[in-house]
Amino acid sequence: MLRGEALSAYRALLKATRKSFAGDSLMLNASALEVRKKFEESRQVTSDAEIQRLLEEAREASQFISTMIVQAKLNERGGYEVKPGKDHAGATLEIPSEEILGKST
């Protein structure tokens, strides 16, 4: 049963990364490798409590990727454009003010 849950969590993470990083082959490949690496590192875990904790982390990561990450795309004017989807409803976008940007240079 836990094996099926792990496979489901793995697939959900990959689906979330494919959706969030659509069109960005570098991020698609890197995120798929990272997801695989994390699951491989946990392959030898046998404690049900630890497996449940890892599965919860995977579910939270999938939710975070799906709702909190938005790819900015370069537009024809040379700027970046963000188009949040319905999954991002209620989230806020924080853009630094000119004052903050000036202090960071």
PDB file of N, CA and C in Angstrom:
ATOM      1  N   MET A   1       0.813  -1.188   0.000  1.00  0.00           N
ATOM      2  CA  MET A   1       0.000   0.000   0.000  1.00  0.00           C
ATOM      3  C   MET A   1       0.863   1.260   0.000  1.00  0.00           C
ATOM      4  N   LEU A   2       1.896   1.323   0.843  1.00  0.00           N
ATOM      5  CA  LEU A   2       2.763   2.489   0.875  1.00  0.00           C
ATOM      6  C   LEU A   2       3.522   2.658  -0.432  1.00  0.00           C
ATOM      7  N   ARG A   3       3.806   1.538  -1.079  1.00  0.00           N
ATOM      8  CA  ARG A   3       4.498   1.613  -2.369  1.00  0.00           C
ATOM      9  C   ARG A   3       3.638   2.361  -3.382  1.00  0.00           C
ATOM     10  N   GLY A   4       2.342   2.077  -3.395  1.00  0.00           N
ATOM     11  CA  GLY A   4       1.423   2.758  -4.288  1.00  0.00           C
ATOM     12  C   GLY A   4       1.317   4.238  -3.966  1.00  0.00           C
ATOM     13  N   GLU A   5       1.305   4.568  -2.668  1.00  0.00           N
ATOM     14  CA  GLU A   5       1.263   5.975  -2.257  1.00  0.00           C
ATOM     15  C   GLU A   5       2.534   6.704  -2.690  1.00  0.00           C
ATOM     16  N   ALA A   6       3.666   6.025  -2.572  1.00  0.00           N
ATOM     17  CA  ALA A   6       4.940   6.634  -2.977  1.00  0.00           C
ATOM     18  C   ALA A   6       4.949   6.888  -4.482  1.00  0.00           C
ATOM     19  N   LEU A   7       4.468   5.938  -5.249  1.00  0.00           N
ATOM     20  CA  LEU A   7       4.412   6.110  -6.700  1.00  0.00           C
ATOM     21  C   LEU A   7       3.468   7.252  -7.069  1.00  0.00           C
ATOM     22  N   SER A   8       2.352   7.331  -6.378  1.00  0.00           N
ATOM     23  CA  SER A   8       1.397   8.406  -6.620  1.00  0.00           C
ATOM     24  C   SER A   8       2.005   9.766  -6.289  1.00  0.00           C
ATOM     25  N   ALA A   9       2.720   9.858  -5.174  1.00  0.00           N
ATOM     26  CA  ALA A   9       3.373  11.113  -4.778  1.00  0.00           C
ATOM     27  C   ALA A   9       4.450  11.494  -5.794  1.00  0.00           C
ATOM     28  N   TYR A  10       5.196  10.507  -6.270  1.00  0.00           N
ATOM     29  CA  TYR A  10       6.242  10.736  -7.270  1.00  0.00           C
ATOM     30  C   TYR A  10       5.633  11.303  -8.552  1.00  0.00           C
ATOM     31  N   ARG A  11       4.571  10.662  -9.011  1.00  0.00           N
ATOM     32  CA  ARG A  11       3.901  11.123 -10.230  1.00  0.00           C
ATOM     33  C   ARG A  11       3.322  12.521 -10.066  1.00  0.00           C
ATOM     34  N   ALA A  12       2.747  12.797  -8.893  1.00  0.00           N
ATOM     35  CA  ALA A  12       2.162  14.123  -8.636  1.00  0.00           C
ATOM     36  C   ALA A  12       3.241  15.204  -8.670  1.00  0.00           C
ATOM     37  N   LEU A  13       4.404  14.902  -8.115  1.00  0.00           N
ATOM     38  CA  LEU A  13       5.506  15.871  -8.154  1.00  0.00           C
ATOM     39  C   LEU A  13       5.969  16.120  -9.581  1.00  0.00           C
ATOM     40  N   LEU A  14       6.114  15.054 -10.346  1.00  0.00           N
ATOM     41  CA  LEU A  14       6.534  15.233 -11.742  1.00  0.00           C
ATOM     42  C   LEU A  14       5.498  16.024 -12.532  1.00  0.00           C
ATOM     43  N   LYS A  15       4.225  15.743 -12.300  1.00  0.00           N
ATOM     44  CA  LYS A  15       3.155  16.471 -12.978  1.00  0.00           C
ATOM     45  C   LYS A  15       3.198  17.957 -12.614  1.00  0.00           C
ATOM     46  N   ALA A  16       3.406  18.243 -11.338  1.00  0.00           N
ATOM     47  CA  ALA A  16       3.480  19.636 -10.886  1.00  0.00           C
ATOM     48  C   ALA A  16       4.652  20.363 -11.539  1.00  0.00           C
ATOM     49  N   THR A  17       5.803  19.697 -11.636  1.00  0.00           N
ATOM     50  CA  THR A  17       6.960  20.353 -12.254  1.00  0.00           C
ATOM     51  C   THR A  17       6.748  20.540 -13.751  1.00  0.00           C
ATOM     52  N   ARG A  18       6.127  19.549 -14.409  1.00  0.00           N
ATOM     53  CA  ARG A  18       5.860  19.691 -15.854  1.00  0.00           C
ATOM     54  C   ARG A  18       4.936  20.865 -16.127  1.00  0.00           C
ATOM     55  N   LYS A  19       3.963  21.058 -15.258  1.00  0.00           N
ATOM     56  CA  LYS A  19       3.014  22.158 -15.439  1.00  0.00           C
ATOM     57  C   LYS A  19       3.680  23.505 -15.134  1.00  0.00           C
ATOM     58  N   SER A  20       4.388  23.585 -14.022  1.00  0.00           N
ATOM     59  CA  SER A  20       4.995  24.852 -13.612  1.00  0.00           C
ATOM     60  C   SER A  20       6.143  25.284 -14.510  1.00  0.00           C
ATOM     61  N   PHE A  21       6.878  24.329 -15.057  1.00  0.00           N
ATOM     62  CA  PHE A  21       8.047  24.656 -15.868  1.00  0.00           C
ATOM     63  C   PHE A  21       7.849  24.351 -17.353  1.00  0.00           C
ATOM     64  N   ALA A  22       6.607  24.318 -17.795  1.00  0.00           N
ATOM     65  CA  ALA A  22       6.313  24.026 -19.207  1.00  0.00           C
ATOM     66  C   ALA A  22       7.082  24.992 -20.111  1.00  0.00           C
ATOM     67  N   GLY A  23       7.748  24.434 -21.108  1.00  0.00           N
ATOM     68  CA  GLY A  23       8.501  25.249 -22.053  1.00  0.00           C
ATOM     69  C   GLY A  23       9.912  25.584 -21.611  1.00  0.00           C
ATOM     70  N   ASP A  24      10.292  25.205 -20.410  1.00  0.00           N
ATOM     71  CA  ASP A  24      11.631  25.494 -19.886  1.00  0.00           C
ATOM     72  C   ASP A  24      12.358  24.165 -19.701  1.00  0.00           C
ATOM     73  N   SER A  25      12.987  23.701 -20.757  1.00  0.00           N
ATOM     74  CA  SER A  25      13.591  22.364 -20.728  1.00  0.00           C
ATOM     75  C   SER A  25      14.677  22.231 -19.659  1.00  0.00           C
ATOM     76  N   LEU A  26      15.410  23.284 -19.395  1.00  0.00           N
ATOM     77  CA  LEU A  26      16.447  23.222 -18.362  1.00  0.00           C
ATOM     78  C   LEU A  26      15.827  22.934 -16.998  1.00  0.00           C
ATOM     79  N   MET A  27      14.778  23.678 -16.633  1.00  0.00           N
ATOM     80  CA  MET A  27      14.120  23.468 -15.342  1.00  0.00           C
ATOM     81  C   MET A  27      13.356  22.146 -15.309  1.00  0.00           C
ATOM     82  N   LEU A  28      12.753  21.754 -16.423  1.00  0.00           N
ATOM     83  CA  LEU A  28      12.054  20.470 -16.478  1.00  0.00           C
ATOM     84  C   LEU A  28      13.004  19.323 -16.177  1.00  0.00           C
ATOM     85  N   ASN A  29      14.145  19.334 -16.831  1.00  0.00           N
ATOM     86  CA  ASN A  29      15.127  18.265 -16.625  1.00  0.00           C
ATOM     87  C   ASN A  29      15.711  18.298 -15.219  1.00  0.00           C
ATOM     88  N   ALA A  30      16.073  19.495 -14.759  1.00  0.00           N
ATOM     89  CA  ALA A  30      16.679  19.619 -13.432  1.00  0.00           C
ATOM     90  C   ALA A  30      15.694  19.210 -12.337  1.00  0.00           C
ATOM     91  N   SER A  31      14.440  19.621 -12.466  1.00  0.00           N
ATOM     92  CA  SER A  31      13.463  19.272 -11.426  1.00  0.00           C
ATOM     93  C   SER A  31      13.157  17.779 -11.442  1.00  0.00           C
ATOM     94  N   ALA A  32      13.076  17.173 -12.612  1.00  0.00           N
ATOM     95  CA  ALA A  32      12.823  15.731 -12.693  1.00  0.00           C
ATOM     96  C   ALA A  32      13.981  14.957 -12.059  1.00  0.00           C
ATOM     97  N   LEU A  33      15.208  15.404 -12.308  1.00  0.00           N
ATOM     98  CA  LEU A  33      16.372  14.745 -11.701  1.00  0.00           C
ATOM     99  C   LEU A  33      16.364  14.897 -10.182  1.00  0.00           C
ATOM    100  N   GLU A  34      15.980  16.076  -9.694  1.00  0.00           N
ATOM    101  CA  GLU A  34      15.952  16.311  -8.248  1.00  0.00           C
ATOM    102  C   GLU A  34      14.874  15.467  -7.574  1.00  0.00           C
ATOM    103  N   VAL A  35      13.700  15.383  -8.194  1.00  0.00           N
ATOM    104  CA  VAL A  35      12.622  14.552  -7.636  1.00  0.00           C
ATOM    105  C   VAL A  35      13.088  13.098  -7.576  1.00  0.00           C
ATOM    106  N   ARG A  36      13.665  12.621  -8.652  1.00  0.00           N
ATOM    107  CA  ARG A  36      14.152  11.230  -8.704  1.00  0.00           C
ATOM    108  C   ARG A  36      15.204  10.983  -7.627  1.00  0.00           C
ATOM    109  N   LYS A  37      16.128  11.927  -7.486  1.00  0.00           N
ATOM    110  CA  LYS A  37      17.202  11.811  -6.497  1.00  0.00           C
ATOM    111  C   LYS A  37      16.631  11.701  -5.079  1.00  0.00           C
ATOM    112  N   LYS A  38      15.665  12.557  -4.752  1.00  0.00           N
ATOM    113  CA  LYS A  38      15.067  12.536  -3.410  1.00  0.00           C
ATOM    114  C   LYS A  38      14.360  11.214  -3.130  1.00  0.00           C
ATOM    115  N   PHE A  39      13.657  10.688  -4.120  1.00  0.00           N
ATOM    116  CA  PHE A  39      12.970   9.412  -3.918  1.00  0.00           C
ATOM    117  C   PHE A  39      13.979   8.268  -3.821  1.00  0.00           C
ATOM    118  N   GLU A  40      15.024   8.314  -4.613  1.00  0.00           N
ATOM    119  CA  GLU A  40      16.061   7.269  -4.546  1.00  0.00           C
ATOM    120  C   GLU A  40      16.753   7.278  -3.185  1.00  0.00           C
ATOM    121  N   GLU A  41      17.009   8.477  -2.645  1.00  0.00           N
ATOM    122  CA  GLU A  41      17.653   8.586  -1.332  1.00  0.00           C
ATOM    123  C   GLU A  41      16.801   7.960  -0.234  1.00  0.00           C
ATOM    124  N   SER A  42      15.505   7.932  -0.436  1.00  0.00           N
ATOM    125  CA  SER A  42      14.579   7.418   0.586  1.00  0.00           C
ATOM    126  C   SER A  42      14.151   5.982   0.339  1.00  0.00           C
ATOM    127  N   ARG A  43      14.683   5.369  -0.685  1.00  0.00           N
ATOM    128  CA  ARG A  43      14.270   4.013  -1.065  1.00  0.00           C
ATOM    129  C   ARG A  43      14.446   2.990   0.055  1.00  0.00           C
ATOM    130  N   GLN A  44      15.477   3.131   0.864  1.00  0.00           N
ATOM    131  CA  GLN A  44      15.779   2.135   1.899  1.00  0.00           C
ATOM    132  C   GLN A  44      15.048   2.373   3.219  1.00  0.00           C
ATOM    133  N   VAL A  45      14.247   3.439   3.301  1.00  0.00           N
ATOM    134  CA  VAL A  45      13.505   3.724   4.538  1.00  0.00           C
ATOM    135  C   VAL A  45      12.448   2.641   4.738  1.00  0.00           C
ATOM    136  N   THR A  46      12.407   2.077   5.946  1.00  0.00           N
ATOM    137  CA  THR A  46      11.453   0.991   6.227  1.00  0.00           C
ATOM    138  C   THR A  46      10.439   1.343   7.309  1.00  0.00           C
ATOM    139  N   SER A  47      10.724   2.346   8.099  1.00  0.00           N
ATOM    140  CA  SER A  47       9.816   2.749   9.175  1.00  0.00           C
ATOM    141  C   SER A  47       8.545   3.371   8.587  1.00  0.00           C
ATOM    142  N   ASP A  48       7.387   2.815   8.958  1.00  0.00           N
ATOM    143  CA  ASP A  48       6.121   3.350   8.453  1.00  0.00           C
ATOM    144  C   ASP A  48       5.962   4.830   8.800  1.00  0.00           C
ATOM    145  N   ALA A  49       6.352   5.209  10.005  1.00  0.00           N
ATOM    146  CA  ALA A  49       6.231   6.607  10.435  1.00  0.00           C
ATOM    147  C   ALA A  49       7.104   7.516   9.567  1.00  0.00           C
ATOM    148  N   GLU A  50       8.314   7.074   9.287  1.00  0.00           N
ATOM    149  CA  GLU A  50       9.229   7.864   8.448  1.00  0.00           C
ATOM    150  C   GLU A  50       8.714   7.926   7.012  1.00  0.00           C
ATOM    151  N   ILE A  51       8.187   6.837   6.506  1.00  0.00           N
ATOM    152  CA  ILE A  51       7.633   6.817   5.145  1.00  0.00           C
ATOM    153  C   ILE A  51       6.455   7.783   5.062  1.00  0.00           C
ATOM    154  N   GLN A  52       5.592   7.771   6.067  1.00  0.00           N
ATOM    155  CA  GLN A  52       4.445   8.689   6.081  1.00  0.00           C
ATOM    156  C   GLN A  52       4.915  10.143   6.099  1.00  0.00           C
ATOM    157  N   ARG A  53       5.971  10.422   6.864  1.00  0.00           N
ATOM    158  CA  ARG A  53       6.521  11.784   6.913  1.00  0.00           C
ATOM    159  C   ARG A  53       7.051  12.198   5.547  1.00  0.00           C
ATOM    160  N   LEU A  54       7.772  11.300   4.895  1.00  0.00           N
ATOM    161  CA  LEU A  54       8.315  11.591   3.565  1.00  0.00           C
ATOM    162  C   LEU A  54       7.205  11.786   2.541  1.00  0.00           C
ATOM    163  N   LEU A  55       6.150  10.978   2.631  1.00  0.00           N
ATOM    164  CA  LEU A  55       5.019  11.127   1.717  1.00  0.00           C
ATOM    165  C   LEU A  55       4.329  12.472   1.919  1.00  0.00           C
ATOM    166  N   GLU A  56       4.204  12.893   3.170  1.00  0.00           N
ATOM    167  CA  GLU A  56       3.597  14.196   3.453  1.00  0.00           C
ATOM    168  C   GLU A  56       4.465  15.321   2.891  1.00  0.00           C
ATOM    169  N   GLU A  57       5.770  15.203   3.027  1.00  0.00           N
ATOM    170  CA  GLU A  57       6.684  16.197   2.445  1.00  0.00           C
ATOM    171  C   GLU A  57       6.519  16.260   0.931  1.00  0.00           C
ATOM    172  N   ALA A  58       6.380  15.116   0.296  1.00  0.00           N
ATOM    173  CA  ALA A  58       6.204  15.064  -1.154  1.00  0.00           C
ATOM    174  C   ALA A  58       4.891  15.733  -1.561  1.00  0.00           C
ATOM    175  N   ARG A  59       3.827  15.470  -0.796  1.00  0.00           N
ATOM    176  CA  ARG A  59       2.531  16.109  -1.087  1.00  0.00           C
ATOM    177  C   ARG A  59       2.622  17.622  -0.924  1.00  0.00           C
ATOM    178  N   GLU A  60       3.291  18.071   0.135  1.00  0.00           N
ATOM    179  CA  GLU A  60       3.456  19.503   0.362  1.00  0.00           C
ATOM    180  C   GLU A  60       4.294  20.142  -0.748  1.00  0.00           C
ATOM    181  N   ALA A  61       5.332  19.453  -1.173  1.00  0.00           N
ATOM    182  CA  ALA A  61       6.179  19.974  -2.246  1.00  0.00           C
ATOM    183  C   ALA A  61       5.387  20.099  -3.547  1.00  0.00           C
ATOM    184  N   SER A  62       4.582  19.107  -3.843  1.00  0.00           N
ATOM    185  CA  SER A  62       3.753  19.136  -5.047  1.00  0.00           C
ATOM    186  C   SER A  62       2.785  20.307  -4.998  1.00  0.00           C
ATOM    187  N   GLN A  63       2.156  20.503  -3.854  1.00  0.00           N
ATOM    188  CA  GLN A  63       1.222  21.625  -3.669  1.00  0.00           C
ATOM    189  C   GLN A  63       1.951  22.959  -3.812  1.00  0.00           C
ATOM    190  N   PHE A  64       3.129  23.072  -3.216  1.00  0.00           N
ATOM    191  CA  PHE A  64       3.906  24.304  -3.289  1.00  0.00           C
ATOM    192  C   PHE A  64       4.288  24.618  -4.731  1.00  0.00           C
ATOM    193  N   ILE A  65       4.803  23.631  -5.435  1.00  0.00           N
ATOM    194  CA  ILE A  65       5.212  23.837  -6.827  1.00  0.00           C
ATOM    195  C   ILE A  65       4.021  24.256  -7.678  1.00  0.00           C
ATOM    196  N   SER A  66       2.876  23.637  -7.446  1.00  0.00           N
ATOM    197  CA  SER A  66       1.684  23.919  -8.241  1.00  0.00           C
ATOM    198  C   SER A  66       1.103  25.301  -7.987  1.00  0.00           C
ATOM    199  N   THR A  67       1.208  25.788  -6.759  1.00  0.00           N
ATOM    200  CA  THR A  67       0.524  27.032  -6.421  1.00  0.00           C
ATOM    201  C   THR A  67       1.426  28.229  -6.197  1.00  0.00           C
ATOM    202  N   MET A  68       2.693  28.013  -5.925  1.00  0.00           N
ATOM    203  CA  MET A  68       3.564  29.123  -5.552  1.00  0.00           C
ATOM    204  C   MET A  68       4.635  29.475  -6.591  1.00  0.00           C
ATOM    205  N   ILE A  69       4.789  28.652  -7.610  1.00  0.00           N
ATOM    206  CA  ILE A  69       5.811  28.922  -8.616  1.00  0.00           C
ATOM    207  C   ILE A  69       5.140  29.295  -9.926  1.00  0.00           C
ATOM    208  N   VAL A  70       5.545  30.442 -10.461  1.00  0.00           N
ATOM    209  CA  VAL A  70       5.044  30.907 -11.746  1.00  0.00           C
ATOM    210  C   VAL A  70       6.261  31.296 -12.578  1.00  0.00           C
ATOM    211  N   GLN A  71       6.336  30.791 -13.788  1.00  0.00           N
ATOM    212  CA  GLN A  71       7.437  31.119 -14.677  1.00  0.00           C
ATOM    213  C   GLN A  71       7.174  32.459 -15.351  1.00  0.00           C
ATOM    214  N   ALA A  72       8.157  33.336 -15.323  1.00  0.00           N
ATOM    215  CA  ALA A  72       8.085  34.588 -16.072  1.00  0.00           C
ATOM    216  C   ALA A  72       8.640  34.308 -17.462  1.00  0.00           C
ATOM    217  N   LYS A  73       7.964  34.832 -18.468  1.00  0.00           N
ATOM    218  CA  LYS A  73       8.398  34.605 -19.850  1.00  0.00           C
ATOM    219  C   LYS A  73       8.808  35.922 -20.475  1.00  0.00           C
ATOM    220  N   LEU A  74       9.876  35.896 -21.252  1.00  0.00           N
ATOM    221  CA  LEU A  74      10.359  37.071 -21.952  1.00  0.00           C
ATOM    222  C   LEU A  74       9.368  37.427 -23.051  1.00  0.00           C
ATOM    223  N   ASN A  75       8.908  38.670 -23.067  1.00  0.00           N
ATOM    224  CA  ASN A  75       7.964  39.081 -24.112  1.00  0.00           C
ATOM    225  C   ASN A  75       8.700  39.793 -25.244  1.00  0.00           C
ATOM    226  N   GLU A  76       7.943  40.156 -26.276  1.00  0.00           N
ATOM    227  CA  GLU A  76       8.548  40.771 -27.472  1.00  0.00           C
ATOM    228  C   GLU A  76       9.105  42.163 -27.201  1.00  0.00           C
ATOM    229  N   ARG A  77       8.719  42.782 -26.087  1.00  0.00           N
ATOM    230  CA  ARG A  77       9.226  44.116 -25.737  1.00  0.00           C
ATOM    231  C   ARG A  77      10.518  44.040 -24.919  1.00  0.00           C
ATOM    232  N   GLY A  78      10.961  42.842 -24.627  1.00  0.00           N
ATOM    233  CA  GLY A  78      12.199  42.661 -23.873  1.00  0.00           C
ATOM    234  C   GLY A  78      12.002  42.599 -22.363  1.00  0.00           C
ATOM    235  N   GLY A  79      10.759  42.622 -21.922  1.00  0.00           N
ATOM    236  CA  GLY A  79      10.455  42.514 -20.498  1.00  0.00           C
ATOM    237  C   GLY A  79       9.954  41.115 -20.174  1.00  0.00           C
ATOM    238  N   TYR A  80       9.725  40.877 -18.923  1.00  0.00           N
ATOM    239  CA  TYR A  80       9.211  39.581 -18.500  1.00  0.00           C
ATOM    240  C   TYR A  80       7.755  39.706 -18.094  1.00  0.00           C
ATOM    241  N   GLU A  81       7.004  38.695 -18.442  1.00  0.00           N
ATOM    242  CA  GLU A  81       5.569  38.673 -18.220  1.00  0.00           C
ATOM    243  C   GLU A  81       5.205  37.449 -17.388  1.00  0.00           C
ATOM    244  N   VAL A  82       4.339  37.664 -16.415  1.00  0.00           N
ATOM    245  CA  VAL A  82       3.880  36.571 -15.558  1.00  0.00           C
ATOM    246  C   VAL A  82       2.394  36.413 -15.768  1.00  0.00           C
ATOM    247  N   LYS A  83       1.968  35.198 -16.041  1.00  0.00           N
ATOM    248  CA  LYS A  83       0.554  34.903 -16.221  1.00  0.00           C
ATOM    249  C   LYS A  83       0.157  33.794 -15.244  1.00  0.00           C
ATOM    250  N   PRO A  84      -0.225  34.189 -14.026  1.00  0.00           N
ATOM    251  CA  PRO A  84      -0.644  33.159 -13.068  1.00  0.00           C
ATOM    252  C   PRO A  84      -1.934  32.491 -13.516  1.00  0.00           C
ATOM    253  N   GLY A  85      -2.059  31.208 -13.214  1.00  0.00           N
ATOM    254  CA  GLY A  85      -3.250  30.450 -13.571  1.00  0.00           C
ATOM    255  C   GLY A  85      -4.231  30.387 -12.417  1.00  0.00           C
ATOM    256  N   LYS A  86      -5.306  29.659 -12.621  1.00  0.00           N
ATOM    257  CA  LYS A  86      -6.338  29.553 -11.582  1.00  0.00           C
ATOM    258  C   LYS A  86      -5.811  28.873 -10.324  1.00  0.00           C
ATOM    259  N   ASP A  87      -4.768  28.059 -10.451  1.00  0.00           N
ATOM    260  CA  ASP A  87      -4.170  27.409  -9.278  1.00  0.00           C
ATOM    261  C   ASP A  87      -3.529  28.423  -8.334  1.00  0.00           C
ATOM    262  N   HIS A  88      -3.223  29.610  -8.874  1.00  0.00           N
ATOM    263  CA  HIS A  88      -2.536  30.625  -8.085  1.00  0.00           C
ATOM    264  C   HIS A  88      -3.502  31.644  -7.478  1.00  0.00           C
ATOM    265  N   ALA A  89      -4.792  31.397  -7.594  1.00  0.00           N
ATOM    266  CA  ALA A  89      -5.795  32.326  -7.068  1.00  0.00           C
ATOM    267  C   ALA A  89      -5.572  32.553  -5.579  1.00  0.00           C
ATOM    268  N   GLY A  90      -5.588  33.800  -5.193  1.00  0.00           N
ATOM    269  CA  GLY A  90      -5.402  34.156  -3.793  1.00  0.00           C
ATOM    270  C   GLY A  90      -3.960  34.402  -3.410  1.00  0.00           C
ATOM    271  N   ALA A  91      -3.026  34.012  -4.248  1.00  0.00           N
ATOM    272  CA  ALA A  91      -1.610  34.248  -3.957  1.00  0.00           C
ATOM    273  C   ALA A  91      -1.296  35.712  -4.250  1.00  0.00           C
ATOM    274  N   THR A  92      -0.292  36.231  -3.595  1.00  0.00           N
ATOM    275  CA  THR A  92       0.117  37.607  -3.854  1.00  0.00           C
ATOM    276  C   THR A  92       1.477  37.621  -4.524  1.00  0.00           C
ATOM    277  N   LEU A  93       1.649  38.567  -5.404  1.00  0.00           N
ATOM    278  CA  LEU A  93       2.922  38.731  -6.105  1.00  0.00           C
ATOM    279  C   LEU A  93       3.637  39.899  -5.465  1.00  0.00           C
ATOM    280  N   GLU A  94       4.838  39.659  -5.005  1.00  0.00           N
ATOM    281  CA  GLU A  94       5.608  40.727  -4.388  1.00  0.00           C
ATOM    282  C   GLU A  94       6.667  41.194  -5.363  1.00  0.00           C
ATOM    283  N   ILE A  95       6.581  42.474  -5.678  1.00  0.00           N
ATOM    284  CA  ILE A  95       7.551  43.086  -6.573  1.00  0.00           C
ATOM    285  C   ILE A  95       8.295  44.138  -5.763  1.00  0.00           C
ATOM    286  N   PRO A  96       9.622  44.086  -5.735  1.00  0.00           N
ATOM    287  CA  PRO A  96      10.367  45.056  -4.948  1.00  0.00           C
ATOM    288  C   PRO A  96      10.190  46.472  -5.486  1.00  0.00           C
ATOM    289  N   SER A  97      10.141  47.438  -4.591  1.00  0.00           N
ATOM    290  CA  SER A  97       9.993  48.831  -4.998  1.00  0.00           C
ATOM    291  C   SER A  97      11.297  49.331  -5.589  1.00  0.00           C
ATOM    292  N   GLU A  98      11.214  50.480  -6.278  1.00  0.00           N
ATOM    293  CA  GLU A  98      12.418  51.086  -6.866  1.00  0.00           C
ATOM    294  C   GLU A  98      13.436  51.411  -5.771  1.00  0.00           C
ATOM    295  N   GLU A  99      12.942  51.817  -4.610  1.00  0.00           N
ATOM    296  CA  GLU A  99      13.831  52.148  -3.489  1.00  0.00           C
ATOM    297  C   GLU A  99      14.630  50.923  -3.046  1.00  0.00           C
ATOM    298  N   ILE A 100      13.954  49.790  -2.914  1.00  0.00           N
ATOM    299  CA  ILE A 100      14.627  48.559  -2.513  1.00  0.00           C
ATOM    300  C   ILE A 100      15.610  48.107  -3.596  1.00  0.00           C
ATOM    301  N   LEU A 101      15.177  48.194  -4.856  1.00  0.00           N
ATOM    302  CA  LEU A 101      16.052  47.803  -5.957  1.00  0.00           C
ATOM    303  C   LEU A 101      17.291  48.681  -5.999  1.00  0.00           C
ATOM    304  N   GLY A 102      17.138  49.972  -5.751  1.00  0.00           N
ATOM    305  CA  GLY A 102      18.273  50.892  -5.756  1.00  0.00           C
ATOM    306  C   GLY A 102      19.286  50.579  -4.679  1.00  0.00           C
ATOM    307  N   LYS A 103      18.826  50.121  -3.522  1.00  0.00           N
ATOM    308  CA  LYS A 103      19.713  49.786  -2.413  1.00  0.00           C
ATOM    309  C   LYS A 103      20.488  48.503  -2.665  1.00  0.00           C
ATOM    310  N   SER A 104      19.961  47.649  -3.532  1.00  0.00           N
ATOM    311  CA  SER A 104      20.617  46.357  -3.754  1.00  0.00           C
ATOM    312  C   SER A 104      21.738  46.429  -4.788  1.00  0.00           C
ATOM    313  N   THR A 105      21.881  47.550  -5.474  1.00  0.00           N
ATOM    314  CA  THR A 105      22.942  47.658  -6.491  1.00  0.00           C
ATOM    315  C   THR A 105      24.176  48.320  -5.966  1.00  0.00           C
TER     316      THR A 105
END
